[in-house]
């Protein structure tokens, strides 16, 4: 019982870390592309922040759909 709980917690933490890293990479890419397109630094940072929030929102939506379907 304890082992299954520990594995579940480890999987959830690792999945969360991967999603955050992926969101940061997507945000960095969006910021760089915005800057290369001629946007100012504040505008590029805003686009990066919006992209980060969108990836996190999408991941939480997908997780809630999976949780609903699998339980």
Protein backbone atom coordinates (compact mmCIF):
# COMPACT_ATOMS: atom_id res chain seq x y z
CA UNK A 1 0.00 0.00 0.00
CA UNK A 2 2.72 2.47 0.98
CA UNK A 3 4.78 1.57 -2.09
CA UNK A 4 1.88 2.27 -4.46
CA UNK A 5 1.29 5.66 -2.86
CA UNK A 6 4.98 6.56 -3.15
CA UNK A 7 5.05 5.58 -6.81
CA UNK A 8 1.90 7.58 -7.51
CA UNK A 9 3.32 10.68 -5.82
CA UNK A 10 6.59 10.29 -7.73
CA UNK A 11 4.80 9.99 -11.06
CA UNK A 12 2.65 13.04 -10.36
CA UNK A 13 5.66 15.13 -9.34
CA UNK A 14 7.72 14.08 -12.34
CA UNK A 15 4.84 14.72 -14.72
CA UNK A 16 4.31 18.16 -13.22
CA UNK A 17 8.01 18.96 -13.60
CA UNK A 18 7.99 17.89 -17.25
CA UNK A 19 4.93 20.02 -17.97
CA UNK A 20 6.49 23.08 -16.33
CA UNK A 21 9.73 22.59 -18.28
CA UNK A 22 7.77 22.21 -21.52
CA UNK A 23 5.78 25.36 -20.73
CA UNK A 24 8.98 27.29 -20.03
CA UNK A 25 10.49 26.12 -23.31
CA UNK A 26 7.38 27.12 -25.23
CA UNK A 27 7.36 30.52 -23.51
CA UNK A 28 11.02 31.09 -24.26
CA UNK A 29 10.46 30.17 -27.89
CA UNK A 30 7.50 32.52 -28.15
CA UNK A 31 9.49 35.33 -26.57
CA UNK A 32 12.42 34.82 -28.91
CA UNK A 33 10.18 34.65 -31.96
CA UNK A 34 8.37 37.80 -30.87
CA UNK A 35 11.66 39.59 -30.35
CA UNK A 36 12.93 38.47 -33.76
CA UNK A 37 9.70 39.77 -35.26
CA UNK A 38 10.58 43.23 -33.97
CA UNK A 39 8.52 43.37 -30.78
CA UNK A 40 9.78 45.40 -27.85
CA UNK A 41 11.04 43.61 -24.74
CA UNK A 42 7.81 44.20 -22.78
CA UNK A 43 5.70 42.95 -25.69
CA UNK A 44 7.89 39.87 -26.12
CA UNK A 45 7.69 39.17 -22.39
CA UNK A 46 3.91 39.50 -22.53
CA UNK A 47 3.71 37.02 -25.40
CA UNK A 48 5.95 34.62 -23.51
CA UNK A 49 3.78 34.91 -20.39
CA UNK A 50 0.61 34.32 -22.39
CA UNK A 51 2.16 31.24 -23.99
CA UNK A 52 3.26 29.89 -20.60
CA UNK A 53 -0.22 30.39 -19.18
CA UNK A 54 -1.81 28.76 -22.23
CA UNK A 55 0.37 25.65 -21.95
CA UNK A 56 -0.32 25.29 -18.21
CA UNK A 57 -4.05 25.80 -18.80
CA UNK A 58 -4.09 23.24 -21.59
CA UNK A 59 -2.23 20.72 -19.45
CA UNK A 60 -4.62 21.15 -16.53
CA UNK A 61 -7.62 20.81 -18.84
CA UNK A 62 -6.27 17.61 -20.36
CA UNK A 63 -5.49 16.25 -16.89
CA UNK A 64 -9.01 16.97 -15.67
CA UNK A 65 -10.51 15.28 -18.73
CA UNK A 66 -8.34 12.21 -18.19
CA UNK A 67 -9.22 12.15 -14.49
CA UNK A 68 -12.90 12.31 -15.35
CA UNK A 69 -12.66 9.55 -17.95
CA UNK A 70 -10.46 7.22 -15.93
CA UNK A 71 -12.32 7.33 -12.62
